[in-house]
Every structure is written in C-alpha cells, then in structure tokens.
Amino acid sequence: LRPILDLRGLNKFMVKLKFRMLSLGTIIPSMDAGDWYAALDMKDAYFHIAIYPPHRRFLLFVVDQRHFQFVVLPFGLSMAPRVFTKCIAVVAAALRRRRIQVFPYLDDWLIR
C-alpha cells in the first residue's frame, strides 16, 4: 500500500514549476528492435527523499485521533513528481556514464 494524503489544500499554495519527464514518445525512438529491457518499479522510492525539517509541519495528518507527520516525500504533494525526477536524474546520469541505457519515468524504469 502507498499512503496518499489528500493534499489539495496545501497544493493550492505550491508554486507550479515545469519540468521535463520522459514519455513513450521520447523513449520508443531510442529503443532498437530486438533489444531486451528490464522494467523496475521502485515502489517506495519517494520515501527515500527527506523533507526539509522546517517544512514537515505542513505535512501533518490525523488518523484515529493520532497525529502523524511525513518526514519523507509523500504521494499527493503536487511538487513530488518534479522533486523525485530531479533527484533521479543524477542516478540515471551515473548509470548512463557506465553505458547502461536507462529510461526513468517517476518510480518506473526501463533498463537495458
């Protein structure tokens, strides 16, 4: 299970920054016929990116009268895909330097 908060209220205050993500339209032309790829689903990958401590107070929520606070990047935050894509770009670049063909799309990757 992936806990997803309803962060519509908070997202109204978030600055919308554009970013580039891979799409099938950009991936398919880079693939060669007959090549084999492995698909990886990094299910909990967002949870490896820490939230800046002073900003965690905005990610409080209540379940059964108990208070919780996200200390890692939650699903449901409008800027989460951009933050995650920017972090993963560093990892993808390191793999490409080792001649590993990688196509990251959020937490799903194709690797050859």
Protein backbone atom coordinates (compact mmCIF):
# COMPACT_ATOMS: atom_id res chain seq x y z
CA LEU A 1 0.00 0.00 0.00
CA ARG A 2 1.09 3.54 -0.72
CA PRO A 3 -0.22 6.10 1.72
CA ILE A 4 -1.53 9.05 -0.24
CA LEU A 5 -2.67 12.19 1.54
CA ASP A 6 -5.36 14.46 0.18
CA LEU A 7 -3.12 17.49 -0.13
CA ARG A 8 -5.38 19.59 -2.37
CA GLY A 9 -5.49 22.36 0.25
CA LEU A 10 -1.71 22.53 0.55
CA ASN A 11 -1.18 22.13 -3.20
CA LYS A 12 -3.12 25.37 -3.79
CA PHE A 13 -0.19 27.21 -2.20
CA MET A 14 2.54 25.37 -4.10
CA VAL A 15 4.36 27.14 -6.91
CA LYS A 16 3.84 25.20 -10.13
CA LEU A 17 7.28 24.64 -11.67
CA LYS A 18 7.54 22.97 -15.04
CA PHE A 19 9.88 20.07 -15.63
CA ARG A 20 10.58 17.53 -18.34
CA MET A 21 9.69 13.88 -17.93
CA LEU A 22 10.32 11.10 -20.38
CA SER A 23 7.30 9.81 -22.27
CA LEU A 24 6.71 6.89 -24.61
CA GLY A 25 7.13 9.36 -27.47
CA THR A 26 10.71 10.05 -26.38
CA ILE A 27 11.57 6.51 -25.25
CA ILE A 28 10.44 4.42 -28.23
CA PRO A 29 12.68 6.13 -30.84
CA SER A 30 15.68 5.38 -28.60
CA MET A 31 14.94 1.65 -28.48
CA ASP A 32 16.36 -0.80 -31.00
CA ALA A 33 14.38 -3.73 -32.42
CA GLY A 34 15.34 -6.98 -30.73
CA ASP A 35 16.67 -5.34 -27.58
CA TRP A 36 15.56 -6.68 -24.21
CA TYR A 37 14.74 -4.36 -21.33
CA ALA A 38 14.06 -4.92 -17.65
CA ALA A 39 11.24 -2.96 -16.06
CA LEU A 40 11.82 -1.84 -12.47
CA ASP A 41 9.12 -0.49 -10.18
CA MET A 42 10.73 1.39 -7.32
CA LYS A 43 7.58 1.20 -5.24
CA ASP A 44 8.69 3.16 -2.18
CA ALA A 45 11.30 5.33 -3.86
CA TYR A 46 9.65 8.62 -2.84
CA PHE A 47 10.17 7.62 0.78
CA HIS A 48 13.94 7.91 0.39
CA ILE A 49 13.79 11.66 -0.16
CA ALA A 50 13.68 13.61 3.09
CA ILE A 51 11.52 16.68 3.59
CA TYR A 52 13.35 19.79 4.81
CA PRO A 53 12.64 19.73 8.60
CA PRO A 54 11.01 23.21 8.88
CA HIS A 55 8.56 22.21 6.10
CA ARG A 56 7.40 18.99 7.73
CA ARG A 57 4.83 20.86 9.80
CA PHE A 58 2.79 21.30 6.62
CA LEU A 59 2.54 17.53 6.23
CA LEU A 60 0.73 16.72 9.46
CA PHE A 61 -2.33 14.48 9.37
CA VAL A 62 -4.61 12.71 11.83
CA VAL A 63 -5.76 9.08 11.84
CA ASP A 64 -7.95 7.78 14.67
CA GLN A 65 -7.17 10.86 16.76
CA ARG A 66 -3.41 10.22 16.44
CA HIS A 67 -1.17 12.83 14.82
CA PHE A 68 1.41 11.88 12.21
CA GLN A 69 3.86 13.87 10.15
CA PHE A 70 5.57 12.98 6.90
CA VAL A 71 9.35 13.31 7.12
CA VAL A 72 9.83 11.99 3.58
CA LEU A 73 8.36 12.95 0.20
CA PRO A 74 4.66 11.98 0.21
CA PHE A 75 2.49 10.95 -2.70
CA GLY A 76 -0.19 13.57 -3.23
CA LEU A 77 2.11 16.58 -2.99
CA SER A 78 1.94 18.40 -6.33
CA MET A 79 5.68 19.03 -6.49
CA ALA A 80 6.63 15.42 -5.57
CA PRO A 81 7.00 14.19 -9.19
CA ARG A 82 9.29 17.14 -10.04
CA VAL A 83 11.43 16.71 -6.92
CA PHE A 84 11.73 12.97 -7.47
CA THR A 85 12.53 13.35 -11.19
CA LYS A 86 15.29 15.87 -10.41
CA CYS A 87 16.84 13.56 -7.78
CA ILE A 88 16.67 10.51 -10.01
CA ALA A 89 18.27 12.37 -12.93
CA VAL A 90 21.56 12.25 -11.01
CA VAL A 91 21.34 8.46 -10.64
CA ALA A 92 20.32 8.00 -14.29
CA ALA A 93 23.27 10.12 -15.45
CA ALA A 94 25.69 7.99 -13.43
CA LEU A 95 24.27 4.81 -14.99
CA ARG A 96 24.50 6.27 -18.49
CA ARG A 97 28.17 7.12 -17.92
CA ARG A 98 28.64 3.38 -17.36
CA ARG A 99 26.93 2.76 -20.72
CA ILE A 100 23.75 1.46 -19.13
CA GLN A 101 20.72 2.58 -21.11
CA VAL A 102 18.09 3.73 -18.64
CA PHE A 103 14.70 5.40 -19.09
CA PRO A 104 13.34 6.63 -15.75
CA TYR A 105 9.68 7.63 -15.56
CA LEU A 106 8.92 8.60 -11.97
CA ASP A 107 9.34 5.39 -9.99
CA ASP A 108 9.20 3.08 -13.03
CA TRP A 109 12.37 2.46 -15.02
CA LEU A 110 13.32 0.61 -18.18
CA ILE A 111 16.93 -0.61 -18.21
CA ARG A 112 18.98 -2.29 -20.93
